[in-house]
Amino acid sequence: MYGVNICANPEEPLPDLPAPGTLLADTSRNNRVGEFRGVAGCYWSLRPVGGGREWETEPRHVRPALPGEQLRSRTARMNRPQSGEVR
């Protein structure tokens, strides 16, 4: 899954790939924060912090997550109910 982007527009420069697990904000989805998972053709795959369904977005819609966004996504993960777990 990791590799070089293959984009339809060869004149558009390819962005540097972040390390897997880097928290990024997807501006095409109201700045939804996800972990970078890899490349799927012309798209980058992101996954919600702590797991969940991956989604794909164009690299031009992605930016590094701000510290506050990172904190909110990690806090939401910690506050999510766990099945069978007693708190």
PDB file of N, CA and C in Angstrom:
ATOM      1  N   MET A   1       0.814  -1.180   0.000  1.00  0.00           N
ATOM      2  CA  MET A   1       0.000   0.000   0.000  1.00  0.00           C
ATOM      3  C   MET A   1       0.864   1.253   0.000  1.00  0.00           C
ATOM      4  N   TYR A   2       2.030   1.214   0.591  1.00  0.00           N
ATOM      5  CA  TYR A   2       2.900   2.374   0.586  1.00  0.00           C
ATOM      6  C   TYR A   2       3.645   2.424  -0.729  1.00  0.00           C
ATOM      7  N   GLY A   3       3.881   3.617  -1.196  1.00  0.00           N
ATOM      8  CA  GLY A   3       4.592   3.728  -2.453  1.00  0.00           C
ATOM      9  C   GLY A   3       4.470   5.118  -3.014  1.00  0.00           C
ATOM     10  N   VAL A   4       4.632   5.213  -4.293  1.00  0.00           N
ATOM     11  CA  VAL A   4       4.604   6.497  -4.981  1.00  0.00           C
ATOM     12  C   VAL A   4       3.185   6.780  -5.443  1.00  0.00           C
ATOM     13  N   ASN A   5       2.767   8.045  -5.291  1.00  0.00           N
ATOM     14  CA  ASN A   5       1.458   8.433  -5.808  1.00  0.00           C
ATOM     15  C   ASN A   5       1.455   8.354  -7.326  1.00  0.00           C
ATOM     16  N   ILE A   6       0.373   7.837  -7.878  1.00  0.00           N
ATOM     17  CA  ILE A   6       0.177   7.828  -9.317  1.00  0.00           C
ATOM     18  C   ILE A   6      -1.019   8.730  -9.566  1.00  0.00           C
ATOM     19  N   CYS A   7      -0.763   9.960 -10.004  1.00  0.00           N
ATOM     20  CA  CYS A   7      -1.815  10.953 -10.165  1.00  0.00           C
ATOM     21  C   CYS A   7      -2.161  11.151 -11.627  1.00  0.00           C
ATOM     22  N   ALA A   8      -3.387  11.580 -11.850  1.00  0.00           N
ATOM     23  CA  ALA A   8      -3.853  11.833 -13.207  1.00  0.00           C
ATOM     24  C   ALA A   8      -3.163  13.044 -13.826  1.00  0.00           C
ATOM     25  N   ASN A   9      -2.770  14.020 -12.996  1.00  0.00           N
ATOM     26  CA  ASN A   9      -2.126  15.226 -13.499  1.00  0.00           C
ATOM     27  C   ASN A   9      -0.627  15.149 -13.221  1.00  0.00           C
ATOM     28  N   PRO A  10       0.178  14.735 -14.192  1.00  0.00           N
ATOM     29  CA  PRO A  10       1.610  14.560 -13.951  1.00  0.00           C
ATOM     30  C   PRO A  10       2.362  15.862 -13.717  1.00  0.00           C
ATOM     31  N   GLU A  11       1.742  17.012 -14.052  1.00  0.00           N
ATOM     32  CA  GLU A  11       2.404  18.300 -13.845  1.00  0.00           C
ATOM     33  C   GLU A  11       2.297  18.776 -12.406  1.00  0.00           C
ATOM     34  N   GLU A  12       1.359  18.233 -11.661  1.00  0.00           N
ATOM     35  CA  GLU A  12       1.184  18.616 -10.265  1.00  0.00           C
ATOM     36  C   GLU A  12       2.278  17.945  -9.434  1.00  0.00           C
ATOM     37  N   PRO A  13       3.023  18.717  -8.623  1.00  0.00           N
ATOM     38  CA  PRO A  13       4.101  18.108  -7.844  1.00  0.00           C
ATOM     39  C   PRO A  13       3.560  17.157  -6.783  1.00  0.00           C
ATOM     40  N   LEU A  14       4.289  16.072  -6.554  1.00  0.00           N
ATOM     41  CA  LEU A  14       3.893  15.101  -5.551  1.00  0.00           C
ATOM     42  C   LEU A  14       4.358  15.585  -4.177  1.00  0.00           C
ATOM     43  N   PRO A  15       3.465  15.587  -3.197  1.00  0.00           N
ATOM     44  CA  PRO A  15       3.875  15.992  -1.850  1.00  0.00           C
ATOM     45  C   PRO A  15       4.705  14.895  -1.187  1.00  0.00           C
ATOM     46  N   ASP A  16       5.526  15.303  -0.226  1.00  0.00           N
ATOM     47  CA  ASP A  16       6.282  14.318   0.542  1.00  0.00           C
ATOM     48  C   ASP A  16       5.314  13.502   1.385  1.00  0.00           C
ATOM     49  N   LEU A  17       5.589  12.210   1.472  1.00  0.00           N
ATOM     50  CA  LEU A  17       4.717  11.345   2.263  1.00  0.00           C
ATOM     51  C   LEU A  17       5.042  11.472   3.745  1.00  0.00           C
ATOM     52  N   PRO A  18       4.016  11.630   4.583  1.00  0.00           N
ATOM     53  CA  PRO A  18       4.260  11.622   6.026  1.00  0.00           C
ATOM     54  C   PRO A  18       4.522  10.197   6.503  1.00  0.00           C
ATOM     55  N   ALA A  19       5.061  10.074   7.688  1.00  0.00           N
ATOM     56  CA  ALA A  19       5.293   8.754   8.269  1.00  0.00           C
ATOM     57  C   ALA A  19       3.946   8.129   8.644  1.00  0.00           C
ATOM     58  N   PRO A  20       3.810   6.812   8.505  1.00  0.00           N
ATOM     59  CA  PRO A  20       2.571   6.160   8.937  1.00  0.00           C
ATOM     60  C   PRO A  20       2.286   6.491  10.404  1.00  0.00           C
ATOM     61  N   GLY A  21       1.022   6.796  10.680  1.00  0.00           N
ATOM     62  CA  GLY A  21       0.609   7.153  12.041  1.00  0.00           C
ATOM     63  C   GLY A  21       0.589   8.645  12.303  1.00  0.00           C
ATOM     64  N   THR A  22       1.146   9.451  11.376  1.00  0.00           N
ATOM     65  CA  THR A  22       1.126  10.902  11.531  1.00  0.00           C
ATOM     66  C   THR A  22      -0.314  11.395  11.518  1.00  0.00           C
ATOM     67  N   LEU A  23      -0.656  12.290  12.450  1.00  0.00           N
ATOM     68  CA  LEU A  23      -2.010  12.824  12.507  1.00  0.00           C
ATOM     69  C   LEU A  23      -2.150  13.975  11.520  1.00  0.00           C
ATOM     70  N   LEU A  24      -3.172  13.854  10.654  1.00  0.00           N
ATOM     71  CA  LEU A  24      -3.428  14.831   9.612  1.00  0.00           C
ATOM     72  C   LEU A  24      -4.888  15.256   9.668  1.00  0.00           C
ATOM     73  N   ALA A  25      -5.168  16.474   9.202  1.00  0.00           N
ATOM     74  CA  ALA A  25      -6.538  16.970   9.111  1.00  0.00           C
ATOM     75  C   ALA A  25      -6.958  16.979   7.649  1.00  0.00           C
ATOM     76  N   ASP A  26      -8.131  16.438   7.371  1.00  0.00           N
ATOM     77  CA  ASP A  26      -8.688  16.383   6.027  1.00  0.00           C
ATOM     78  C   ASP A  26      -9.621  17.576   5.853  1.00  0.00           C
ATOM     79  N   THR A  27      -9.181  18.578   5.098  1.00  0.00           N
ATOM     80  CA  THR A  27      -9.968  19.801   4.945  1.00  0.00           C
ATOM     81  C   THR A  27     -11.218  19.591   4.091  1.00  0.00           C
ATOM     82  N   SER A  28     -11.284  18.514   3.344  1.00  0.00           N
ATOM     83  CA  SER A  28     -12.482  18.235   2.545  1.00  0.00           C
ATOM     84  C   SER A  28     -13.580  17.601   3.404  1.00  0.00           C
ATOM     85  N   ARG A  29     -13.260  17.269   4.640  1.00  0.00           N
ATOM     86  CA  ARG A  29     -14.234  16.656   5.562  1.00  0.00           C
ATOM     87  C   ARG A  29     -14.268  17.416   6.883  1.00  0.00           C
ATOM     88  N   ASN A  30     -14.376  18.728   6.791  1.00  0.00           N
ATOM     89  CA  ASN A  30     -14.471  19.582   7.977  1.00  0.00           C
ATOM     90  C   ASN A  30     -13.320  19.371   8.949  1.00  0.00           C
ATOM     91  N   ASN A  31     -12.118  19.251   8.411  1.00  0.00           N
ATOM     92  CA  ASN A  31     -10.899  19.094   9.216  1.00  0.00           C
ATOM     93  C   ASN A  31     -10.922  17.845  10.092  1.00  0.00           C
ATOM     94  N   ARG A  32     -11.521  16.789   9.582  1.00  0.00           N
ATOM     95  CA  ARG A  32     -11.536  15.503  10.303  1.00  0.00           C
ATOM     96  C   ARG A  32     -10.101  15.018  10.458  1.00  0.00           C
ATOM     97  N   VAL A  33      -9.742  14.622  11.664  1.00  0.00           N
ATOM     98  CA  VAL A  33      -8.377  14.192  11.964  1.00  0.00           C
ATOM     99  C   VAL A  33      -8.273  12.674  11.817  1.00  0.00           C
ATOM    100  N   GLY A  34      -7.206  12.244  11.183  1.00  0.00           N
ATOM    101  CA  GLY A  34      -6.960  10.820  11.027  1.00  0.00           C
ATOM    102  C   GLY A  34      -5.472  10.531  10.977  1.00  0.00           C
ATOM    103  N   GLU A  35      -5.150   9.263  11.196  1.00  0.00           N
ATOM    104  CA  GLU A  35      -3.758   8.804  11.111  1.00  0.00           C
ATOM    105  C   GLU A  35      -3.454   8.449   9.666  1.00  0.00           C
ATOM    106  N   PHE A  36      -2.308   8.897   9.163  1.00  0.00           N
ATOM    107  CA  PHE A  36      -1.891   8.528   7.815  1.00  0.00           C
ATOM    108  C   PHE A  36      -1.588   7.038   7.782  1.00  0.00           C
ATOM    109  N   ARG A  37      -2.179   6.342   6.802  1.00  0.00           N
ATOM    110  CA  ARG A  37      -1.984   4.892   6.685  1.00  0.00           C
ATOM    111  C   ARG A  37      -1.159   4.508   5.468  1.00  0.00           C
ATOM    112  N   GLY A  38      -1.243   5.310   4.400  1.00  0.00           N
ATOM    113  CA  GLY A  38      -0.495   4.971   3.202  1.00  0.00           C
ATOM    114  C   GLY A  38      -1.116   5.589   1.971  1.00  0.00           C
ATOM    115  N   VAL A  39      -0.684   5.096   0.825  1.00  0.00           N
ATOM    116  CA  VAL A  39      -1.108   5.633  -0.461  1.00  0.00           C
ATOM    117  C   VAL A  39      -1.935   4.594  -1.201  1.00  0.00           C
ATOM    118  N   ALA A  40      -3.017   5.052  -1.790  1.00  0.00           N
ATOM    119  CA  ALA A  40      -3.862   4.198  -2.622  1.00  0.00           C
ATOM    120  C   ALA A  40      -4.063   4.912  -3.947  1.00  0.00           C
ATOM    121  N   GLY A  41      -3.181   4.648  -4.892  1.00  0.00           N
ATOM    122  CA  GLY A  41      -3.245   5.332  -6.186  1.00  0.00           C
ATOM    123  C   GLY A  41      -2.929   6.799  -6.033  1.00  0.00           C
ATOM    124  N   CYS A  42      -3.890   7.637  -6.353  1.00  0.00           N
ATOM    125  CA  CYS A  42      -3.721   9.093  -6.276  1.00  0.00           C
ATOM    126  C   CYS A  42      -4.185   9.644  -4.926  1.00  0.00           C
ATOM    127  N   TYR A  43      -4.635   8.785  -4.046  1.00  0.00           N
ATOM    128  CA  TYR A  43      -5.222   9.215  -2.776  1.00  0.00           C
ATOM    129  C   TYR A  43      -4.381   8.780  -1.585  1.00  0.00           C
ATOM    130  N   TRP A  44      -4.558   9.489  -0.484  1.00  0.00           N
ATOM    131  CA  TRP A  44      -3.946   9.097   0.784  1.00  0.00           C
ATOM    132  C   TRP A  44      -5.022   8.457   1.640  1.00  0.00           C
ATOM    133  N   SER A  45      -4.667   7.399   2.332  1.00  0.00           N
ATOM    134  CA  SER A  45      -5.589   6.717   3.230  1.00  0.00           C
ATOM    135  C   SER A  45      -5.372   7.223   4.647  1.00  0.00           C
ATOM    136  N   LEU A  46      -6.471   7.594   5.288  1.00  0.00           N
ATOM    137  CA  LEU A  46      -6.450   8.039   6.680  1.00  0.00           C
ATOM    138  C   LEU A  46      -7.395   7.156   7.481  1.00  0.00           C
ATOM    139  N   ARG A  47      -7.114   7.022   8.776  1.00  0.00           N
ATOM    140  CA  ARG A  47      -7.944   6.214   9.658  1.00  0.00           C
ATOM    141  C   ARG A  47      -8.200   7.013  10.924  1.00  0.00           C
ATOM    142  N   PRO A  48      -9.400   6.945  11.491  1.00  0.00           N
ATOM    143  CA  PRO A  48      -9.647   7.655  12.748  1.00  0.00           C
ATOM    144  C   PRO A  48      -8.644   7.234  13.823  1.00  0.00           C
ATOM    145  N   VAL A  49      -8.330   8.150  14.704  1.00  0.00           N
ATOM    146  CA  VAL A  49      -7.389   7.858  15.793  1.00  0.00           C
ATOM    147  C   VAL A  49      -7.952   6.719  16.633  1.00  0.00           C
ATOM    148  N   GLY A  50      -7.163   5.695  16.833  1.00  0.00           N
ATOM    149  CA  GLY A  50      -7.582   4.556  17.639  1.00  0.00           C
ATOM    150  C   GLY A  50      -8.313   3.483  16.866  1.00  0.00           C
ATOM    151  N   GLY A  51      -8.481   3.647  15.567  1.00  0.00           N
ATOM    152  CA  GLY A  51      -9.126   2.618  14.770  1.00  0.00           C
ATOM    153  C   GLY A  51     -10.439   3.076  14.182  1.00  0.00           C
ATOM    154  N   GLY A  52     -10.963   2.283  13.319  1.00  0.00           N
ATOM    155  CA  GLY A  52     -12.209   2.608  12.634  1.00  0.00           C
ATOM    156  C   GLY A  52     -12.032   2.475  11.136  1.00  0.00           C
ATOM    157  N   ARG A  53     -13.046   2.876  10.416  1.00  0.00           N
ATOM    158  CA  ARG A  53     -13.057   2.735   8.964  1.00  0.00           C
ATOM    159  C   ARG A  53     -12.164   3.790   8.310  1.00  0.00           C
ATOM    160  N   GLU A  54     -11.251   3.315   7.489  1.00  0.00           N
ATOM    161  CA  GLU A  54     -10.363   4.223   6.758  1.00  0.00           C
ATOM    162  C   GLU A  54     -11.153   4.965   5.691  1.00  0.00           C
ATOM    163  N   TRP A  55     -10.621   6.132   5.315  1.00  0.00           N
ATOM    164  CA  TRP A  55     -11.170   6.860   4.186  1.00  0.00           C
ATOM    165  C   TRP A  55     -10.013   7.373   3.346  1.00  0.00           C
ATOM    166  N   GLU A  56     -10.322   7.730   2.115  1.00  0.00           N
ATOM    167  CA  GLU A  56      -9.300   8.222   1.196  1.00  0.00           C
ATOM    168  C   GLU A  56      -9.597   9.669   0.846  1.00  0.00           C
ATOM    169  N   THR A  57      -8.522  10.430   0.660  1.00  0.00           N
ATOM    170  CA  THR A  57      -8.649  11.832   0.284  1.00  0.00           C
ATOM    171  C   THR A  57      -7.463  12.221  -0.593  1.00  0.00           C
ATOM    172  N   GLU A  58      -7.641  13.289  -1.341  1.00  0.00           N
ATOM    173  CA  GLU A  58      -6.553  13.783  -2.168  1.00  0.00           C
ATOM    174  C   GLU A  58      -5.537  14.489  -1.278  1.00  0.00           C
ATOM    175  N   PRO A  59      -4.253  14.326  -1.570  1.00  0.00           N
ATOM    176  CA  PRO A  59      -3.222  14.960  -0.745  1.00  0.00           C
ATOM    177  C   PRO A  59      -3.372  16.473  -0.630  1.00  0.00           C
ATOM    178  N   ARG A  60      -3.949  17.113  -1.635  1.00  0.00           N
ATOM    179  CA  ARG A  60      -4.105  18.572  -1.570  1.00  0.00           C
ATOM    180  C   ARG A  60      -5.111  19.004  -0.510  1.00  0.00           C
ATOM    181  N   HIS A  61      -5.933  18.065  -0.011  1.00  0.00           N
ATOM    182  CA  HIS A  61      -6.915  18.371   1.025  1.00  0.00           C
ATOM    183  C   HIS A  61      -6.410  18.047   2.426  1.00  0.00           C
ATOM    184  N   VAL A  62      -5.138  17.691   2.541  1.00  0.00           N
ATOM    185  CA  VAL A  62      -4.596  17.250   3.827  1.00  0.00           C
ATOM    186  C   VAL A  62      -3.560  18.244   4.334  1.00  0.00           C
ATOM    187  N   ARG A  63      -3.602  18.481   5.643  1.00  0.00           N
ATOM    188  CA  ARG A  63      -2.601  19.323   6.295  1.00  0.00           C
ATOM    189  C   ARG A  63      -2.274  18.689   7.641  1.00  0.00           C
ATOM    190  N   PRO A  64      -1.134  19.059   8.234  1.00  0.00           N
ATOM    191  CA  PRO A  64      -0.819  18.531   9.566  1.00  0.00           C
ATOM    192  C   PRO A  64      -1.895  18.967  10.569  1.00  0.00           C
ATOM    193  N   ALA A  65      -2.278  18.060  11.441  1.00  0.00           N
ATOM    194  CA  ALA A  65      -3.267  18.393  12.470  1.00  0.00           C
ATOM    195  C   ALA A  65      -2.641  19.342  13.483  1.00  0.00           C
ATOM    196  N   LEU A  66      -3.406  20.355  13.864  1.00  0.00           N
ATOM    197  CA  LEU A  66      -2.948  21.306  14.876  1.00  0.00           C
ATOM    198  C   LEU A  66      -2.927  20.625  16.245  1.00  0.00           C
ATOM    199  N   PRO A  67      -2.126  21.131  17.194  1.00  0.00           N
ATOM    200  CA  PRO A  67      -2.060  20.497  18.517  1.00  0.00           C
ATOM    201  C   PRO A  67      -3.436  20.342  19.174  1.00  0.00           C
ATOM    202  N   GLY A  68      -4.298  21.337  19.059  1.00  0.00           N
ATOM    203  CA  GLY A  68      -5.642  21.237  19.641  1.00  0.00           C
ATOM    204  C   GLY A  68      -6.476  20.157  18.983  1.00  0.00           C
ATOM    205  N   GLU A  69      -6.334  20.000  17.663  1.00  0.00           N
ATOM    206  CA  GLU A  69      -7.060  18.955  16.941  1.00  0.00           C
ATOM    207  C   GLU A  69      -6.560  17.576  17.337  1.00  0.00           C
ATOM    208  N   GLN A  70      -5.252  17.457  17.522  1.00  0.00           N
ATOM    209  CA  GLN A  70      -4.679  16.180  17.963  1.00  0.00           C
ATOM    210  C   GLN A  70      -5.209  15.813  19.344  1.00  0.00           C
ATOM    211  N   LEU A  71      -5.235  16.787  20.241  1.00  0.00           N
ATOM    212  CA  LEU A  71      -5.718  16.541  21.603  1.00  0.00           C
ATOM    213  C   LEU A  71      -7.190  16.142  21.600  1.00  0.00           C
ATOM    214  N   ARG A  72      -8.017  16.848  20.826  1.00  0.00           N
ATOM    215  CA  ARG A  72      -9.446  16.522  20.755  1.00  0.00           C
ATOM    216  C   ARG A  72      -9.664  15.107  20.238  1.00  0.00           C
ATOM    217  N   SER A  73      -8.928  14.709  19.198  1.00  0.00           N
ATOM    218  CA  SER A  73      -9.131  13.371  18.631  1.00  0.00           C
ATOM    219  C   SER A  73      -8.685  12.287  19.608  1.00  0.00           C
ATOM    220  N   ARG A  74      -7.592  12.531  20.320  1.00  0.00           N
ATOM    221  CA  ARG A  74      -7.130  11.536  21.304  1.00  0.00           C
ATOM    222  C   ARG A  74      -8.070  11.473  22.508  1.00  0.00           C
ATOM    223  N   THR A  75      -8.595  12.619  22.929  1.00  0.00           N
ATOM    224  CA  THR A  75      -9.535  12.648  24.054  1.00  0.00           C
ATOM    225  C   THR A  75     -10.826  11.936  23.678  1.00  0.00           C
ATOM    226  N   ALA A  76     -11.316  12.168  22.463  1.00  0.00           N
ATOM    227  CA  ALA A  76     -12.533  11.488  22.012  1.00  0.00           C
ATOM    228  C   ALA A  76     -12.332   9.980  22.010  1.00  0.00           C
ATOM    229  N   ARG A  77     -11.153   9.535  21.619  1.00  0.00           N
ATOM    230  CA  ARG A  77     -10.858   8.099  21.631  1.00  0.00           C
ATOM    231  C   ARG A  77     -10.906   7.549  23.046  1.00  0.00           C
ATOM    232  N   MET A  78     -10.338   8.279  23.996  1.00  0.00           N
ATOM    233  CA  MET A  78     -10.318   7.813  25.392  1.00  0.00           C
ATOM    234  C   MET A  78     -11.717   7.811  26.012  1.00  0.00           C
ATOM    235  N   ASN A  79     -12.577   8.717  25.573  1.00  0.00           N
ATOM    236  CA  ASN A  79     -13.923   8.821  26.124  1.00  0.00           C
ATOM    237  C   ASN A  79     -14.928   7.896  25.451  1.00  0.00           C
ATOM    238  N   ARG A  80     -14.521   7.269  24.356  1.00  0.00           N
ATOM    239  CA  ARG A  80     -15.415   6.356  23.644  1.00  0.00           C
ATOM    240  C   ARG A  80     -15.675   5.130  24.496  1.00  0.00           C
ATOM    241  N   PRO A  81     -16.936   4.746  24.649  1.00  0.00           N
ATOM    242  CA  PRO A  81     -17.236   3.546  25.447  1.00  0.00           C
ATOM    243  C   PRO A  81     -16.629   2.297  24.829  1.00  0.00           C
ATOM    244  N   GLN A  82     -16.104   1.440  25.652  1.00  0.00           N
ATOM    245  CA  GLN A  82     -15.532   0.169  25.217  1.00  0.00           C
ATOM    246  C   GLN A  82     -16.489  -0.947  25.602  1.00  0.00           C
ATOM    247  N   SER A  83     -16.780  -1.823  24.686  1.00  0.00           N
ATOM    248  CA  SER A  83     -17.719  -2.909  24.960  1.00  0.00           C
ATOM    249  C   SER A  83     -17.126  -3.871  25.990  1.00  0.00           C
ATOM    250  N   GLY A  84     -17.900  -4.136  27.011  1.00  0.00           N
ATOM    251  CA  GLY A  84     -17.479  -5.100  28.032  1.00  0.00           C
ATOM    252  C   GLY A  84     -16.515  -4.568  29.054  1.00  0.00           C
ATOM    253  N   GLU A  85     -16.150  -3.329  28.983  1.00  0.00           N
ATOM    254  CA  GLU A  85     -15.172  -2.768  29.919  1.00  0.00           C
ATOM    255  C   GLU A  85     -15.887  -1.983  31.009  1.00  0.00           C
ATOM    256  N   VAL A  86     -15.507  -2.214  32.238  1.00  0.00           N
ATOM    257  CA  VAL A  86     -16.071  -1.488  33.377  1.00  0.00           C
ATOM    258  C   VAL A  86     -15.109  -0.370  33.738  1.00  0.00           C
ATOM    259  N   ARG A  87     -15.661   0.835  33.869  1.00  0.00           N
ATOM    260  CA  ARG A  87     -14.814   1.980  34.229  1.00  0.00           C
ATOM    261  C   ARG A  87     -15.035   2.362  35.667  1.00  0.00           C
TER     262      ARG A  87
END
